[in-house]
Structure formats: C-alpha cells, structure tokens
PDB file of N, CA and C in Angstrom:
ATOM      1  N   MET A   1     -10.906 -15.529  25.119  1.00  0.00           N
ATOM      2  CA  MET A   1      -9.737 -14.777  24.748  1.00  0.00           C
ATOM      3  C   MET A   1      -8.560 -15.735  24.558  1.00  0.00           C
ATOM      4  N   GLY A   2      -7.763 -15.545  23.494  1.00  0.00           N
ATOM      5  CA  GLY A   2      -6.633 -16.427  23.220  1.00  0.00           C
ATOM      6  C   GLY A   2      -5.486 -16.181  24.173  1.00  0.00           C
ATOM      7  N   SER A   3      -4.629 -17.183  24.305  1.00  0.00           N
ATOM      8  CA  SER A   3      -3.479 -17.030  25.190  1.00  0.00           C
ATOM      9  C   SER A   3      -2.390 -16.231  24.481  1.00  0.00           C
ATOM     10  N   LYS A   4      -1.622 -15.503  25.268  1.00  0.00           N
ATOM     11  CA  LYS A   4      -0.510 -14.736  24.709  1.00  0.00           C
ATOM     12  C   LYS A   4       0.651 -15.674  24.478  1.00  0.00           C
ATOM     13  N   ARG A   5       1.280 -15.528  23.332  1.00  0.00           N
ATOM     14  CA  ARG A   5       2.443 -16.344  23.028  1.00  0.00           C
ATOM     15  C   ARG A   5       3.681 -15.477  23.160  1.00  0.00           C
ATOM     16  N   SER A   6       4.665 -15.978  23.863  1.00  0.00           N
ATOM     17  CA  SER A   6       5.899 -15.219  23.963  1.00  0.00           C
ATOM     18  C   SER A   6       6.729 -15.481  22.706  1.00  0.00           C
ATOM     19  N   VAL A   7       7.444 -14.482  22.312  1.00  0.00           N
ATOM     20  CA  VAL A   7       8.297 -14.593  21.143  1.00  0.00           C
ATOM     21  C   VAL A   7       9.697 -14.944  21.627  1.00  0.00           C
ATOM     22  N   PRO A   8      10.302 -15.986  21.061  1.00  0.00           N
ATOM     23  CA  PRO A   8      11.641 -16.376  21.510  1.00  0.00           C
ATOM     24  C   PRO A   8      12.661 -15.265  21.270  1.00  0.00           C
ATOM     25  N   SER A   9      13.595 -15.146  22.180  1.00  0.00           N
ATOM     26  CA  SER A   9      14.698 -14.203  22.005  1.00  0.00           C
ATOM     27  C   SER A   9      15.978 -14.872  22.502  1.00  0.00           C
ATOM     28  N   CYS A  10      17.090 -14.267  22.151  1.00  0.00           N
ATOM     29  CA  CYS A  10      18.383 -14.832  22.543  1.00  0.00           C
ATOM     30  C   CYS A  10      18.520 -14.855  24.065  1.00  0.00           C
ATOM     31  N   ASP A  11      19.175 -15.893  24.557  1.00  0.00           N
ATOM     32  CA  ASP A  11      19.433 -16.002  25.990  1.00  0.00           C
ATOM     33  C   ASP A  11      20.703 -15.260  26.393  1.00  0.00           C
ATOM     34  N   VAL A  12      21.549 -14.945  25.417  1.00  0.00           N
ATOM     35  CA  VAL A  12      22.790 -14.207  25.674  1.00  0.00           C
ATOM     36  C   VAL A  12      22.919 -13.092  24.645  1.00  0.00           C
ATOM     37  N   GLU A  13      23.689 -12.080  24.974  1.00  0.00           N
ATOM     38  CA  GLU A  13      23.962 -10.967  24.061  1.00  0.00           C
ATOM     39  C   GLU A  13      25.114 -11.354  23.148  1.00  0.00           C
ATOM     40  N   CYS A  14      24.857 -11.401  21.842  1.00  0.00           N
ATOM     41  CA  CYS A  14      25.887 -11.783  20.877  1.00  0.00           C
ATOM     42  C   CYS A  14      25.599 -11.070  19.566  1.00  0.00           C
ATOM     43  N   VAL A  15      26.265  -9.951  19.329  1.00  0.00           N
ATOM     44  CA  VAL A  15      26.047  -9.181  18.109  1.00  0.00           C
ATOM     45  C   VAL A  15      27.011  -9.677  17.033  1.00  0.00           C
ATOM     46  N   HIS A  16      26.464 -10.036  15.898  1.00  0.00           N
ATOM     47  CA  HIS A  16      27.267 -10.460  14.740  1.00  0.00           C
ATOM     48  C   HIS A  16      27.616  -9.205  13.947  1.00  0.00           C
ATOM     49  N   THR A  17      28.718  -8.576  14.321  1.00  0.00           N
ATOM     50  CA  THR A  17      29.074  -7.260  13.786  1.00  0.00           C
ATOM     51  C   THR A  17      29.248  -7.263  12.269  1.00  0.00           C
ATOM     52  N   ASP A  18      29.729  -8.361  11.694  1.00  0.00           N
ATOM     53  CA  ASP A  18      29.900  -8.397  10.245  1.00  0.00           C
ATOM     54  C   ASP A  18      28.551  -8.252   9.535  1.00  0.00           C
ATOM     55  N   VAL A  19      27.545  -8.926  10.051  1.00  0.00           N
ATOM     56  CA  VAL A  19      26.211  -8.842   9.460  1.00  0.00           C
ATOM     57  C   VAL A  19      25.612  -7.456   9.700  1.00  0.00           C
ATOM     58  N   VAL A  20      25.770  -6.926  10.903  1.00  0.00           N
ATOM     59  CA  VAL A  20      25.240  -5.606  11.238  1.00  0.00           C
ATOM     60  C   VAL A  20      25.872  -4.542  10.343  1.00  0.00           C
ATOM     61  N   HIS A  21      27.172  -4.587  10.156  1.00  0.00           N
ATOM     62  CA  HIS A  21      27.866  -3.600   9.317  1.00  0.00           C
ATOM     63  C   HIS A  21      27.449  -3.719   7.855  1.00  0.00           C
ATOM     64  N   ARG A  22      27.167  -4.930   7.407  1.00  0.00           N
ATOM     65  CA  ARG A  22      26.761  -5.136   6.013  1.00  0.00           C
ATOM     66  C   ARG A  22      25.344  -4.607   5.772  1.00  0.00           C
ATOM     67  N   LEU A  23      24.449  -4.767   6.742  1.00  0.00           N
ATOM     68  CA  LEU A  23      23.051  -4.386   6.555  1.00  0.00           C
ATOM     69  C   LEU A  23      22.738  -2.940   6.940  1.00  0.00           C
ATOM     70  N   ALA A  24      23.538  -2.335   7.793  1.00  0.00           N
ATOM     71  CA  ALA A  24      23.261  -0.984   8.292  1.00  0.00           C
ATOM     72  C   ALA A  24      23.071   0.043   7.170  1.00  0.00           C
ATOM     73  N   PRO A  25      23.916   0.088   6.137  1.00  0.00           N
ATOM     74  CA  PRO A  25      23.705   1.088   5.077  1.00  0.00           C
ATOM     75  C   PRO A  25      22.360   0.923   4.357  1.00  0.00           C
ATOM     76  N   LEU A  26      21.910  -0.307   4.209  1.00  0.00           N
ATOM     77  CA  LEU A  26      20.611  -0.549   3.577  1.00  0.00           C
ATOM     78  C   LEU A  26      19.487   0.064   4.410  1.00  0.00           C
ATOM     79  N   LEU A  27      19.535  -0.121   5.709  1.00  0.00           N
ATOM     80  CA  LEU A  27      18.487   0.383   6.589  1.00  0.00           C
ATOM     81  C   LEU A  27      18.528   1.896   6.746  1.00  0.00           C
ATOM     82  N   ASP A  28      19.717   2.489   6.633  1.00  0.00           N
ATOM     83  CA  ASP A  28      19.849   3.940   6.785  1.00  0.00           C
ATOM     84  C   ASP A  28      19.003   4.700   5.766  1.00  0.00           C
ATOM     85  N   GLY A  29      18.803   4.138   4.600  1.00  0.00           N
ATOM     86  CA  GLY A  29      18.049   4.828   3.554  1.00  0.00           C
ATOM     87  C   GLY A  29      16.554   4.582   3.581  1.00  0.00           C
ATOM     88  N   LEU A  30      16.032   3.960   4.622  1.00  0.00           N
ATOM     89  CA  LEU A  30      14.618   3.572   4.637  1.00  0.00           C
ATOM     90  C   LEU A  30      13.708   4.482   5.451  1.00  0.00           C
ATOM     91  N   ASP A  31      14.245   5.551   6.002  1.00  0.00           N
ATOM     92  CA  ASP A  31      13.395   6.469   6.770  1.00  0.00           C
ATOM     93  C   ASP A  31      12.261   6.986   5.888  1.00  0.00           C
ATOM     94  N   GLY A  32      11.040   6.944   6.403  1.00  0.00           N
ATOM     95  CA  GLY A  32       9.876   7.429   5.677  1.00  0.00           C
ATOM     96  C   GLY A  32       9.134   6.358   4.888  1.00  0.00           C
ATOM     97  N   VAL A  33       9.765   5.218   4.650  1.00  0.00           N
ATOM     98  CA  VAL A  33       9.119   4.154   3.877  1.00  0.00           C
ATOM     99  C   VAL A  33       7.920   3.586   4.629  1.00  0.00           C
ATOM    100  N   GLY A  34       8.037   3.454   5.916  1.00  0.00           N
ATOM    101  CA  GLY A  34       6.925   2.938   6.718  1.00  0.00           C
ATOM    102  C   GLY A  34       5.687   3.807   6.583  1.00  0.00           C
ATOM    103  N   GLU A  35       5.880   5.128   6.554  1.00  0.00           N
ATOM    104  CA  GLU A  35       4.744   6.037   6.383  1.00  0.00           C
ATOM    105  C   GLU A  35       4.087   5.813   5.023  1.00  0.00           C
ATOM    106  N   THR A  36       4.900   5.658   4.006  1.00  0.00           N
ATOM    107  CA  THR A  36       4.357   5.402   2.672  1.00  0.00           C
ATOM    108  C   THR A  36       3.599   4.083   2.650  1.00  0.00           C
ATOM    109  N   MET A  37       4.162   3.061   3.250  1.00  0.00           N
ATOM    110  CA  MET A  37       3.508   1.748   3.243  1.00  0.00           C
ATOM    111  C   MET A  37       2.225   1.756   4.068  1.00  0.00           C
ATOM    112  N   SER A  38       2.151   2.594   5.087  1.00  0.00           N
ATOM    113  CA  SER A  38       0.951   2.616   5.931  1.00  0.00           C
ATOM    114  C   SER A  38      -0.278   3.062   5.150  1.00  0.00           C
ATOM    115  N   ILE A  39      -0.067   3.795   4.070  1.00  0.00           N
ATOM    116  CA  ILE A  39      -1.192   4.250   3.254  1.00  0.00           C
ATOM    117  C   ILE A  39      -1.929   3.057   2.647  1.00  0.00           C
ATOM    118  N   PHE A  40      -1.221   1.937   2.467  1.00  0.00           N
ATOM    119  CA  PHE A  40      -1.824   0.734   1.890  1.00  0.00           C
ATOM    120  C   PHE A  40      -2.552  -0.106   2.943  1.00  0.00           C
ATOM    121  N   ALA A  41      -2.405   0.231   4.205  1.00  0.00           N
ATOM    122  CA  ALA A  41      -2.955  -0.587   5.289  1.00  0.00           C
ATOM    123  C   ALA A  41      -4.454  -0.389   5.496  1.00  0.00           C
ATOM    124  N   ASP A  42      -5.028   0.603   4.882  1.00  0.00           N
ATOM    125  CA  ASP A  42      -6.455   0.858   5.001  1.00  0.00           C
ATOM    126  C   ASP A  42      -7.201   0.001   3.976  1.00  0.00           C
ATOM    127  N   ASP A  43      -8.229  -0.736   4.408  1.00  0.00           N
ATOM    128  CA  ASP A  43      -8.970  -1.628   3.506  1.00  0.00           C
ATOM    129  C   ASP A  43      -9.554  -0.891   2.296  1.00  0.00           C
ATOM    130  N   THR A  44     -10.126   0.277   2.523  1.00  0.00           N
ATOM    131  CA  THR A  44     -10.726   1.017   1.411  1.00  0.00           C
ATOM    132  C   THR A  44      -9.673   1.426   0.399  1.00  0.00           C
ATOM    133  N   ARG A  45      -8.550   1.962   0.865  1.00  0.00           N
ATOM    134  CA  ARG A  45      -7.485   2.358  -0.064  1.00  0.00           C
ATOM    135  C   ARG A  45      -6.915   1.137  -0.778  1.00  0.00           C
ATOM    136  N   PHE A  46      -6.797   0.019  -0.072  1.00  0.00           N
ATOM    137  CA  PHE A  46      -6.273  -1.177  -0.722  1.00  0.00           C
ATOM    138  C   PHE A  46      -7.232  -1.656  -1.813  1.00  0.00           C
ATOM    139  N   LYS A  47      -8.531  -1.603  -1.559  1.00  0.00           N
ATOM    140  CA  LYS A  47      -9.510  -1.979  -2.584  1.00  0.00           C
ATOM    141  C   LYS A  47      -9.404  -1.065  -3.800  1.00  0.00           C
ATOM    142  N   ILE A  48      -9.211   0.220  -3.550  1.00  0.00           N
ATOM    143  CA  ILE A  48      -9.031   1.166  -4.661  1.00  0.00           C
ATOM    144  C   ILE A  48      -7.801   0.780  -5.476  1.00  0.00           C
ATOM    145  N   LEU A  49      -6.707   0.476  -4.788  1.00  0.00           N
ATOM    146  CA  LEU A  49      -5.476   0.098  -5.487  1.00  0.00           C
ATOM    147  C   LEU A  49      -5.658  -1.182  -6.292  1.00  0.00           C
ATOM    148  N   VAL A  50      -6.371  -2.156  -5.738  1.00  0.00           N
ATOM    149  CA  VAL A  50      -6.632  -3.394  -6.473  1.00  0.00           C
ATOM    150  C   VAL A  50      -7.409  -3.077  -7.748  1.00  0.00           C
ATOM    151  N   ALA A  51      -8.458  -2.273  -7.618  1.00  0.00           N
ATOM    152  CA  ALA A  51      -9.258  -1.906  -8.793  1.00  0.00           C
ATOM    153  C   ALA A  51      -8.412  -1.162  -9.825  1.00  0.00           C
ATOM    154  N   LEU A  52      -7.587  -0.223  -9.346  1.00  0.00           N
ATOM    155  CA  LEU A  52      -6.751   0.548 -10.273  1.00  0.00           C
ATOM    156  C   LEU A  52      -5.621  -0.289 -10.873  1.00  0.00           C
ATOM    157  N   SER A  53      -5.291  -1.397 -10.235  1.00  0.00           N
ATOM    158  CA  SER A  53      -4.272  -2.276 -10.819  1.00  0.00           C
ATOM    159  C   SER A  53      -4.839  -3.029 -12.014  1.00  0.00           C
ATOM    160  N   ARG A  54      -6.161  -3.020 -12.152  1.00  0.00           N
ATOM    161  CA  ARG A  54      -6.819  -3.708 -13.269  1.00  0.00           C
ATOM    162  C   ARG A  54      -7.267  -2.759 -14.365  1.00  0.00           C
ATOM    163  N   SER A  55      -7.555  -1.490 -13.969  1.00  0.00           N
ATOM    164  CA  SER A  55      -8.101  -0.557 -14.952  1.00  0.00           C
ATOM    165  C   SER A  55      -8.010   0.881 -14.447  1.00  0.00           C
ATOM    166  N   GLU A  56      -7.825   1.794 -15.380  1.00  0.00           N
ATOM    167  CA  GLU A  56      -7.966   3.207 -15.053  1.00  0.00           C
ATOM    168  C   GLU A  56      -9.453   3.452 -14.775  1.00  0.00           C
ATOM    169  N   LEU A  57      -9.749   4.237 -13.737  1.00  0.00           N
ATOM    170  CA  LEU A  57     -11.142   4.458 -13.342  1.00  0.00           C
ATOM    171  C   LEU A  57     -11.387   5.922 -13.025  1.00  0.00           C
ATOM    172  N   CYS A  58     -12.596   6.378 -13.340  1.00  0.00           N
ATOM    173  CA  CYS A  58     -12.958   7.726 -12.902  1.00  0.00           C
ATOM    174  C   CYS A  58     -13.444   7.652 -11.458  1.00  0.00           C
ATOM    175  N   VAL A  59     -13.484   8.789 -10.816  1.00  0.00           N
ATOM    176  CA  VAL A  59     -13.878   8.851  -9.408  1.00  0.00           C
ATOM    177  C   VAL A  59     -15.260   8.235  -9.212  1.00  0.00           C
ATOM    178  N   CYS A  60     -16.160   8.477 -10.142  1.00  0.00           N
ATOM    179  CA  CYS A  60     -17.524   7.927 -10.036  1.00  0.00           C
ATOM    180  C   CYS A  60     -17.512   6.399 -10.083  1.00  0.00           C
ATOM    181  N   ASP A  61     -16.651   5.824 -10.939  1.00  0.00           N
ATOM    182  CA  ASP A  61     -16.544   4.365 -11.023  1.00  0.00           C
ATOM    183  C   ASP A  61     -16.036   3.782  -9.706  1.00  0.00           C
ATOM    184  N   VAL A  62     -15.044   4.423  -9.127  1.00  0.00           N
ATOM    185  CA  VAL A  62     -14.491   3.953  -7.853  1.00  0.00           C
ATOM    186  C   VAL A  62     -15.582   4.001  -6.781  1.00  0.00           C
ATOM    187  N   GLY A  63     -16.343   5.086  -6.754  1.00  0.00           N
ATOM    188  CA  GLY A  63     -17.430   5.212  -5.789  1.00  0.00           C
ATOM    189  C   GLY A  63     -18.473   4.119  -5.961  1.00  0.00           C
ATOM    190  N   ALA A  64     -18.800   3.808  -7.207  1.00  0.00           N
ATOM    191  CA  ALA A  64     -19.791   2.759  -7.469  1.00  0.00           C
ATOM    192  C   ALA A  64     -19.254   1.395  -7.034  1.00  0.00           C
ATOM    193  N   LEU A  65     -17.983   1.132  -7.323  1.00  0.00           N
ATOM    194  CA  LEU A  65     -17.378  -0.142  -6.917  1.00  0.00           C
ATOM    195  C   LEU A  65     -17.404  -0.325  -5.404  1.00  0.00           C
ATOM    196  N   LEU A  66     -17.105   0.738  -4.689  1.00  0.00           N
ATOM    197  CA  LEU A  66     -17.009   0.666  -3.231  1.00  0.00           C
ATOM    198  C   LEU A  66     -18.326   0.971  -2.534  1.00  0.00           C
ATOM    199  N   GLN A  67     -19.318   1.380  -3.313  1.00  0.00           N
ATOM    200  CA  GLN A  67     -20.581   1.845  -2.744  1.00  0.00           C
ATOM    201  C   GLN A  67     -20.312   2.923  -1.700  1.00  0.00           C
ATOM    202  N   ALA A  68     -19.516   3.896  -2.124  1.00  0.00           N
ATOM    203  CA  ALA A  68     -19.085   4.972  -1.228  1.00  0.00           C
ATOM    204  C   ALA A  68     -19.376   6.319  -1.880  1.00  0.00           C
ATOM    205  N   SER A  69     -19.471   7.346  -1.065  1.00  0.00           N
ATOM    206  CA  SER A  69     -19.730   8.699  -1.574  1.00  0.00           C
ATOM    207  C   SER A  69     -18.503   9.222  -2.311  1.00  0.00           C
ATOM    208  N   SER A  70     -18.727  10.168  -3.198  1.00  0.00           N
ATOM    209  CA  SER A  70     -17.603  10.746  -3.938  1.00  0.00           C
ATOM    210  C   SER A  70     -16.656  11.477  -2.999  1.00  0.00           C
ATOM    211  N   SER A  71     -17.165  12.053  -1.904  1.00  0.00           N
ATOM    212  CA  SER A  71     -16.264  12.738  -0.963  1.00  0.00           C
ATOM    213  C   SER A  71     -15.363  11.737  -0.252  1.00  0.00           C
ATOM    214  N   SER A  72     -15.907  10.572   0.102  1.00  0.00           N
ATOM    215  CA  SER A  72     -15.089   9.532   0.731  1.00  0.00           C
ATOM    216  C   SER A  72     -14.037   9.014  -0.243  1.00  0.00           C
ATOM    217  N   VAL A  73     -14.445   8.744  -1.463  1.00  0.00           N
ATOM    218  CA  VAL A  73     -13.514   8.260  -2.487  1.00  0.00           C
ATOM    219  C   VAL A  73     -12.434   9.306  -2.746  1.00  0.00           C
ATOM    220  N   SER A  74     -12.833  10.558  -2.869  1.00  0.00           N
ATOM    221  CA  SER A  74     -11.863  11.630  -3.114  1.00  0.00           C
ATOM    222  C   SER A  74     -10.839  11.731  -1.985  1.00  0.00           C
ATOM    223  N   TYR A  75     -11.291  11.562  -0.751  1.00  0.00           N
ATOM    224  CA  TYR A  75     -10.386  11.586   0.405  1.00  0.00           C
ATOM    225  C   TYR A  75      -9.315  10.499   0.262  1.00  0.00           C
ATOM    226  N   HIS A  76      -9.736   9.286  -0.054  1.00  0.00           N
ATOM    227  CA  HIS A  76      -8.780   8.182  -0.177  1.00  0.00           C
ATOM    228  C   HIS A  76      -7.865   8.370  -1.394  1.00  0.00           C
ATOM    229  N   LEU A  77      -8.417   8.826  -2.500  1.00  0.00           N
ATOM    230  CA  LEU A  77      -7.589   9.070  -3.686  1.00  0.00           C
ATOM    231  C   LEU A  77      -6.573  10.179  -3.423  1.00  0.00           C
ATOM    232  N   ARG A  78      -6.973  11.192  -2.676  1.00  0.00           N
ATOM    233  CA  ARG A  78      -6.050  12.276  -2.330  1.00  0.00           C
ATOM    234  C   ARG A  78      -4.877  11.745  -1.514  1.00  0.00           C
ATOM    235  N   ASN A  79      -5.154  10.853  -0.560  1.00  0.00           N
ATOM    236  CA  ASN A  79      -4.076  10.255   0.232  1.00  0.00           C
ATOM    237  C   ASN A  79      -3.156   9.401  -0.628  1.00  0.00           C
ATOM    238  N   LEU A  80      -3.730   8.633  -1.533  1.00  0.00           N
ATOM    239  CA  LEU A  80      -2.914   7.804  -2.432  1.00  0.00           C
ATOM    240  C   LEU A  80      -2.087   8.677  -3.373  1.00  0.00           C
ATOM    241  N   PHE A  81      -2.668   9.787  -3.826  1.00  0.00           N
ATOM    242  CA  PHE A  81      -1.948  10.729  -4.690  1.00  0.00           C
ATOM    243  C   PHE A  81      -0.796  11.385  -3.927  1.00  0.00           C
ATOM    244  N   ARG A  82      -1.062  11.738  -2.662  1.00  0.00           N
ATOM    245  CA  ARG A  82      -0.051  12.426  -1.827  1.00  0.00           C
ATOM    246  C   ARG A  82       1.228  11.615  -1.697  1.00  0.00           C
ATOM    247  N   VAL A  83       1.094  10.282  -1.603  1.00  0.00           N
ATOM    248  CA  VAL A  83       2.292   9.445  -1.467  1.00  0.00           C
ATOM    249  C   VAL A  83       2.829   8.968  -2.820  1.00  0.00           C
ATOM    250  N   GLY A  84       2.187   9.393  -3.897  1.00  0.00           N
ATOM    251  CA  GLY A  84       2.688   9.057  -5.222  1.00  0.00           C
ATOM    252  C   GLY A  84       2.258   7.702  -5.750  1.00  0.00           C
ATOM    253  N   ALA A  85       1.220   7.105  -5.153  1.00  0.00           N
ATOM    254  CA  ALA A  85       0.766   5.785  -5.597  1.00  0.00           C
ATOM    255  C   ALA A  85      -0.136   5.864  -6.826  1.00  0.00           C
ATOM    256  N   VAL A  86      -0.848   6.982  -6.967  1.00  0.00           N
ATOM    257  CA  VAL A  86      -1.739   7.152  -8.113  1.00  0.00           C
ATOM    258  C   VAL A  86      -1.479   8.500  -8.772  1.00  0.00           C
ATOM    259  N   LYS A  87      -1.874   8.573 -10.028  1.00  0.00           N
ATOM    260  CA  LYS A  87      -1.868   9.850 -10.745  1.00  0.00           C
ATOM    261  C   LYS A  87      -3.213   9.963 -11.448  1.00  0.00           C
ATOM    262  N   TYR A  88      -3.506  11.131 -11.969  1.00  0.00           N
ATOM    263  CA  TYR A  88      -4.805  11.342 -12.587  1.00  0.00           C
ATOM    264  C   TYR A  88      -4.676  12.139 -13.869  1.00  0.00           C
ATOM    265  N   ARG A  89      -5.748  12.090 -14.637  1.00  0.00           N
ATOM    266  CA  ARG A  89      -5.872  12.920 -15.831  1.00  0.00           C
ATOM    267  C   ARG A  89      -7.314  13.387 -15.926  1.00  0.00           C
ATOM    268  N   ARG A  90      -7.485  14.561 -16.443  1.00  0.00           N
ATOM    269  CA  ARG A  90      -8.832  15.105 -16.652  1.00  0.00           C
ATOM    270  C   ARG A  90      -9.265  14.844 -18.083  1.00  0.00           C
ATOM    271  N   GLU A  91     -10.540  14.517 -18.226  1.00  0.00           N
ATOM    272  CA  GLU A  91     -11.141  14.383 -19.545  1.00  0.00           C
ATOM    273  C   GLU A  91     -12.494  15.082 -19.462  1.00  0.00           C
ATOM    274  N   GLY A  92     -12.506  16.333 -19.864  1.00  0.00           N
ATOM    275  CA  GLY A  92     -13.714  17.143 -19.699  1.00  0.00           C
ATOM    276  C   GLY A  92     -14.008  17.332 -18.230  1.00  0.00           C
ATOM    277  N   LYS A  93     -15.186  16.909 -17.807  1.00  0.00           N
ATOM    278  CA  LYS A  93     -15.585  17.055 -16.413  1.00  0.00           C
ATOM    279  C   LYS A  93     -15.247  15.826 -15.576  1.00  0.00           C
ATOM    280  N   LEU A  94     -14.649  14.825 -16.193  1.00  0.00           N
ATOM    281  CA  LEU A  94     -14.306  13.596 -15.478  1.00  0.00           C
ATOM    282  C   LEU A  94     -12.832  13.583 -15.106  1.00  0.00           C
ATOM    283  N   VAL A  95     -12.528  12.921 -13.999  1.00  0.00           N
ATOM    284  CA  VAL A  95     -11.146  12.746 -13.555  1.00  0.00           C
ATOM    285  C   VAL A  95     -10.893  11.243 -13.453  1.00  0.00           C
ATOM    286  N   TYR A  96      -9.880  10.779 -14.183  1.00  0.00           N
ATOM    287  CA  TYR A  96      -9.525   9.360 -14.210  1.00  0.00           C
ATOM    288  C   TYR A  96      -8.240   9.134 -13.422  1.00  0.00           C
ATOM    289  N   TYR A  97      -8.228   8.083 -12.622  1.00  0.00           N
ATOM    290  CA  TYR A  97      -7.056   7.723 -11.832  1.00  0.00           C
ATOM    291  C   TYR A  97      -6.461   6.418 -12.329  1.00  0.00           C
ATOM    292  N   ARG A  98      -5.152   6.302 -12.154  1.00  0.00           N
ATOM    293  CA  ARG A  98      -4.421   5.075 -12.469  1.00  0.00           C
ATOM    294  C   ARG A  98      -3.213   4.991 -11.548  1.00  0.00           C
ATOM    295  N   LEU A  99      -2.633   3.805 -11.459  1.00  0.00           N
ATOM    296  CA  LEU A  99      -1.424   3.629 -10.648  1.00  0.00           C
ATOM    297  C   LEU A  99      -0.262   4.352 -11.314  1.00  0.00           C
ATOM    298  N   THR A 100       0.664   4.833 -10.518  1.00  0.00           N
ATOM    299  CA  THR A 100       1.807   5.556 -11.072  1.00  0.00           C
ATOM    300  C   THR A 100       2.880   4.627 -11.617  1.00  0.00           C
ATOM    301  N   ASP A 101       2.885   3.386 -11.145  1.00  0.00           N
ATOM    302  CA  ASP A 101       3.991   2.500 -11.488  1.00  0.00           C
ATOM    303  C   ASP A 101       3.525   1.047 -11.456  1.00  0.00           C
ATOM    304  N   ASP A 102       4.041   0.242 -12.380  1.00  0.00           N
ATOM    305  CA  ASP A 102       3.715  -1.186 -12.399  1.00  0.00           C
ATOM    306  C   ASP A 102       4.194  -1.892 -11.130  1.00  0.00           C
ATOM    307  N   ALA A 103       5.192  -1.331 -10.463  1.00  0.00           N
ATOM    308  CA  ALA A 103       5.696  -1.942  -9.230  1.00  0.00           C
ATOM    309  C   ALA A 103       4.601  -1.985  -8.160  1.00  0.00           C
ATOM    310  N   ILE A 104       3.698  -1.025  -8.171  1.00  0.00           N
ATOM    311  CA  ILE A 104       2.599  -1.024  -7.203  1.00  0.00           C
ATOM    312  C   ILE A 104       1.665  -2.191  -7.489  1.00  0.00           C
ATOM    313  N   ALA A 105       1.377  -2.435  -8.752  1.00  0.00           N
ATOM    314  CA  ALA A 105       0.532  -3.577  -9.116  1.00  0.00           C
ATOM    315  C   ALA A 105       1.213  -4.885  -8.711  1.00  0.00           C
ATOM    316  N   THR A 106       2.528  -4.956  -8.867  1.00  0.00           N
ATOM    317  CA  THR A 106       3.280  -6.145  -8.454  1.00  0.00           C
ATOM    318  C   THR A 106       3.179  -6.337  -6.945  1.00  0.00           C
ATOM    319  N   LEU A 107       3.311  -5.256  -6.199  1.00  0.00           N
ATOM    320  CA  LEU A 107       3.182  -5.309  -4.736  1.00  0.00           C
ATOM    321  C   LEU A 107       1.787  -5.776  -4.329  1.00  0.00           C
ATOM    322  N   ILE A 108       0.768  -5.247  -4.980  1.00  0.00           N
ATOM    323  CA  ILE A 108      -0.614  -5.637  -4.680  1.00  0.00           C
ATOM    324  C   ILE A 108      -0.804  -7.130  -4.952  1.00  0.00           C
ATOM    325  N   GLY A 109      -0.284  -7.601  -6.089  1.00  0.00           N
ATOM    326  CA  GLY A 109      -0.377  -9.021  -6.405  1.00  0.00           C
ATOM    327  C   GLY A 109       0.304  -9.886  -5.365  1.00  0.00           C
ATOM    328  N   ALA A 110       1.469  -9.436  -4.887  1.00  0.00           N
ATOM    329  CA  ALA A 110       2.195 -10.193  -3.859  1.00  0.00           C
ATOM    330  C   ALA A 110       1.398 -10.243  -2.556  1.00  0.00           C
ATOM    331  N   VAL A 111       0.781  -9.137  -2.176  1.00  0.00           N
ATOM    332  CA  VAL A 111      -0.024  -9.106  -0.951  1.00  0.00           C
ATOM    333  C   VAL A 111      -1.228 -10.032  -1.092  1.00  0.00           C
ATOM    334  N   LEU A 112      -1.872 -10.009  -2.242  1.00  0.00           N
ATOM    335  CA  LEU A 112      -3.027 -10.881  -2.470  1.00  0.00           C
ATOM    336  C   LEU A 112      -2.620 -12.353  -2.411  1.00  0.00           C
ATOM    337  N   ARG A 113      -1.494 -12.683  -3.014  1.00  0.00           N
ATOM    338  CA  ARG A 113      -1.004 -14.069  -2.948  1.00  0.00           C
ATOM    339  C   ARG A 113      -0.669 -14.461  -1.513  1.00  0.00           C
ATOM    340  N   TYR A 114       0.008 -13.584  -0.785  1.00  0.00           N
ATOM    341  CA  TYR A 114       0.412 -13.863   0.590  1.00  0.00           C
ATOM    342  C   TYR A 114      -0.793 -14.115   1.480  1.00  0.00           C
ATOM    343  N   THR A 115      -1.854 -13.328   1.261  1.00  0.00           N
ATOM    344  CA  THR A 115      -3.045 -13.449   2.106  1.00  0.00           C
ATOM    345  C   THR A 115      -4.032 -14.485   1.580  1.00  0.00           C
ATOM    346  N   GLY A 116      -3.700 -15.126   0.451  1.00  0.00           N
ATOM    347  CA  GLY A 116      -4.569 -16.152  -0.102  1.00  0.00           C
ATOM    348  C   GLY A 116      -5.864 -15.614  -0.688  1.00  0.00           C
ATOM    349  N   ARG A 117      -5.863 -14.352  -1.087  1.00  0.00           N
ATOM    350  CA  ARG A 117      -7.052 -13.741  -1.681  1.00  0.00           C
ATOM    351  C   ARG A 117      -7.048 -13.957  -3.193  1.00  0.00           C
ATOM    352  N   PRO A 118      -8.236 -13.916  -3.807  1.00  0.00           N
ATOM    353  CA  PRO A 118      -8.295 -14.089  -5.265  1.00  0.00           C
ATOM    354  C   PRO A 118      -7.587 -12.944  -5.982  1.00  0.00           C
ATOM    355  N   GLN A 119      -7.027 -13.299  -7.102  1.00  0.00           N
ATOM    356  CA  GLN A 119      -6.296 -12.294  -7.887  1.00  0.00           C
ATOM    357  C   GLN A 119      -7.040 -12.046  -9.145  1.00  0.00           C
TER     358      GLN A 119
END
C-alpha cells in the first residue's frame, strides 16, 4: 500500500479579498456543472463520446464498438442525452446519435491529450 501524502496548506489565515471578490461572481454561476461533468466520468460513456466525436453512429454501431448489449448502450445514451451531450435522429427503424456541440469534441480532445491517450 502506498504512503499517504499530505497536501500543503497555509500556516496562517490570510484571505486575499481582492482576488476573492473578483472570482466569486464566476463561481456563483457554476451550480450544477459538476453534475453535468460527472456524466463524462464513466468509462463507457466516455468511449461513446470519443466515438461520436469522430462519427455519427446508430445504436447498433455503438453496441458493436463497445461489445455491449443494446439495452446497456441505450442506458448510457439516455444519460448523455439527458444532460444535452448528444442528440439523435431517426432514419426509418434506425436511431443515429451525434454530439450536440463541437465544444464537447474539443473537451474530449483535451482530456485525451491530458491523459496521454491516442487521439
């Protein structure tokens, strides 16, 4: 088992009020963002997002890529749809999914670069 590392903290209480006052309005508008971002924390959903950042895919294609059942894929797509990360279109009996915004693809690319994964 690895040793626990303590995180350094200030030895005295010293609030830089100018900085706090400048940043507080920015943070006030962020309620709920963490919940939205948590949807990306699941490996399966992240893989779906990576695939959708490259191509629009039908549910069957996503299932084949992940080697997962259509019910499992549908569950993850429903969660991604709920937070507005993906949208869909019907074509006959098929349902195709794609990302709702290029900003999501940019975010995925940044995460892949940060983690040193292939892009």
